[in-house]
């Protein structure tokens, strides 16, 4: 089963807000976020995917997600490159 690490960005806000996560079903996860059923932080906002990376297993996806969350410079470079 494949897993994805993704970065979301708000669609319609003056100040762009981002969220990083992982999932095995990217389309379903985005729908959950946009319908207020995703992570608590994402509720009440509309999101678009600005970055995704595919992994062959959950462990590797979780490690990369954690790396993005810990290294702000990595996250900012990915946002700049892909948004």
C-alpha atoms as a PDB file:
ATOM      1  CA  UNK A   1       0.000   0.000   0.000  1.00  0.00           C
ATOM      2  CA  UNK A   2       1.278   3.479  -0.857  1.00  0.00           C
ATOM      3  CA  UNK A   3       1.309   6.445   1.497  1.00  0.00           C
ATOM      4  CA  UNK A   4       1.584  10.139   0.764  1.00  0.00           C
ATOM      5  CA  UNK A   5       3.024  13.050   2.696  1.00  0.00           C
ATOM      6  CA  UNK A   6       1.226  16.230   1.720  1.00  0.00           C
ATOM      7  CA  UNK A   7       1.176  19.943   2.400  1.00  0.00           C
ATOM      8  CA  UNK A   8      -2.117  21.799   2.228  1.00  0.00           C
ATOM      9  CA  UNK A   9      -2.571  25.532   1.851  1.00  0.00           C
ATOM     10  CA  UNK A  10      -5.711  27.573   2.452  1.00  0.00           C
ATOM     11  CA  UNK A  11      -7.542  28.592  -0.704  1.00  0.00           C
ATOM     12  CA  UNK A  12      -9.279  31.858   0.103  1.00  0.00           C
ATOM     13  CA  UNK A  13      -7.464  33.501   2.990  1.00  0.00           C
ATOM     14  CA  UNK A  14      -5.433  36.687   2.894  1.00  0.00           C
ATOM     15  CA  UNK A  15      -2.861  35.060   5.133  1.00  0.00           C
ATOM     16  CA  UNK A  16      -1.910  31.681   3.696  1.00  0.00           C
ATOM     17  CA  UNK A  17      -1.966  28.903   6.292  1.00  0.00           C
ATOM     18  CA  UNK A  18      -0.404  25.483   5.704  1.00  0.00           C
ATOM     19  CA  UNK A  19      -0.885  22.015   7.157  1.00  0.00           C
ATOM     20  CA  UNK A  20       1.309  18.929   6.757  1.00  0.00           C
ATOM     21  CA  UNK A  21       0.077  15.352   7.063  1.00  0.00           C
ATOM     22  CA  UNK A  22       0.242  11.815   5.692  1.00  0.00           C
ATOM     23  CA  UNK A  23      -2.373   9.415   4.353  1.00  0.00           C
ATOM     24  CA  UNK A  24      -2.904   6.340   2.212  1.00  0.00           C
ATOM     25  CA  UNK A  25      -5.819   7.969   0.317  1.00  0.00           C
ATOM     26  CA  UNK A  26      -5.049  11.535  -0.710  1.00  0.00           C
ATOM     27  CA  UNK A  27      -8.382  12.368  -2.382  1.00  0.00           C
ATOM     28  CA  UNK A  28     -10.428  11.099   0.550  1.00  0.00           C
ATOM     29  CA  UNK A  29      -8.210  12.918   3.059  1.00  0.00           C
ATOM     30  CA  UNK A  30      -8.565  16.251   1.240  1.00  0.00           C
ATOM     31  CA  UNK A  31     -12.353  15.818   1.198  1.00  0.00           C
ATOM     32  CA  UNK A  32     -12.316  15.156   4.942  1.00  0.00           C
ATOM     33  CA  UNK A  33     -10.251  18.283   5.597  1.00  0.00           C
ATOM     34  CA  UNK A  34     -12.527  20.430   3.439  1.00  0.00           C
ATOM     35  CA  UNK A  35     -15.687  19.004   5.045  1.00  0.00           C
ATOM     36  CA  UNK A  36     -14.555  19.733   8.607  1.00  0.00           C
ATOM     37  CA  UNK A  37     -13.840  16.107   9.475  1.00  0.00           C
ATOM     38  CA  UNK A  38     -10.042  16.166   9.203  1.00  0.00           C
ATOM     39  CA  UNK A  39      -7.568  17.319  11.799  1.00  0.00           C
ATOM     40  CA  UNK A  40      -8.954  19.846  14.269  1.00  0.00           C
ATOM     41  CA  UNK A  41      -6.546  22.533  12.994  1.00  0.00           C
ATOM     42  CA  UNK A  42      -7.940  22.293   9.452  1.00  0.00           C
ATOM     43  CA  UNK A  43     -11.620  22.715  10.326  1.00  0.00           C
ATOM     44  CA  UNK A  44     -13.429  25.778   9.034  1.00  0.00           C
ATOM     45  CA  UNK A  45     -11.018  26.384   6.159  1.00  0.00           C
ATOM     46  CA  UNK A  46     -10.895  25.302   2.528  1.00  0.00           C
ATOM     47  CA  UNK A  47      -7.683  23.646   1.400  1.00  0.00           C
ATOM     48  CA  UNK A  48      -5.746  22.781  -1.729  1.00  0.00           C
ATOM     49  CA  UNK A  49      -2.830  20.390  -2.051  1.00  0.00           C
ATOM     50  CA  UNK A  50       0.363  22.210  -2.924  1.00  0.00           C
ATOM     51  CA  UNK A  51       2.844  19.355  -2.366  1.00  0.00           C
ATOM     52  CA  UNK A  52       2.722  15.564  -2.242  1.00  0.00           C
ATOM     53  CA  UNK A  53       5.295  12.800  -2.147  1.00  0.00           C
ATOM     54  CA  UNK A  54       4.614   9.076  -2.450  1.00  0.00           C
ATOM     55  CA  UNK A  55       6.118   6.423  -0.159  1.00  0.00           C
ATOM     56  CA  UNK A  56       5.946   2.636  -0.254  1.00  0.00           C
ATOM     57  CA  UNK A  57       5.244   2.240   3.458  1.00  0.00           C
ATOM     58  CA  UNK A  58       3.734   4.079   6.395  1.00  0.00           C
ATOM     59  CA  UNK A  59       6.941   4.233   8.429  1.00  0.00           C
ATOM     60  CA  UNK A  60       8.852   6.144   5.756  1.00  0.00           C
ATOM     61  CA  UNK A  61       5.931   8.515   5.206  1.00  0.00           C
ATOM     62  CA  UNK A  62       5.691   9.249   8.922  1.00  0.00           C
ATOM     63  CA  UNK A  63       9.443   9.892   9.143  1.00  0.00           C
ATOM     64  CA  UNK A  64       9.316  12.373   6.263  1.00  0.00           C
ATOM     65  CA  UNK A  65       6.220  14.103   7.652  1.00  0.00           C
ATOM     66  CA  UNK A  66       8.027  14.503  10.971  1.00  0.00           C
ATOM     67  CA  UNK A  67      11.116  15.866   9.198  1.00  0.00           C
ATOM     68  CA  UNK A  68       9.024  18.508   7.418  1.00  0.00           C
ATOM     69  CA  UNK A  69       7.337  19.507  10.661  1.00  0.00           C
ATOM     70  CA  UNK A  70      10.646  19.754  12.561  1.00  0.00           C
ATOM     71  CA  UNK A  71      12.645  21.591   9.869  1.00  0.00           C
ATOM     72  CA  UNK A  72      10.852  24.830   9.108  1.00  0.00           C
ATOM     73  CA  UNK A  73      13.379  25.659   6.382  1.00  0.00           C
ATOM     74  CA  UNK A  74      12.486  22.429   4.542  1.00  0.00           C
ATOM     75  CA  UNK A  75       8.774  23.170   4.732  1.00  0.00           C
ATOM     76  CA  UNK A  76       9.259  26.749   3.550  1.00  0.00           C
ATOM     77  CA  UNK A  77      11.398  25.634   0.596  1.00  0.00           C
ATOM     78  CA  UNK A  78       8.771  23.070  -0.453  1.00  0.00           C
ATOM     79  CA  UNK A  79       6.000  25.678  -0.185  1.00  0.00           C
ATOM     80  CA  UNK A  80       8.000  28.201  -2.189  1.00  0.00           C
ATOM     81  CA  UNK A  81       8.871  25.661  -4.881  1.00  0.00           C
ATOM     82  CA  UNK A  82       5.394  24.153  -5.329  1.00  0.00           C
ATOM     83  CA  UNK A  83       2.849  26.870  -4.525  1.00  0.00           C
END
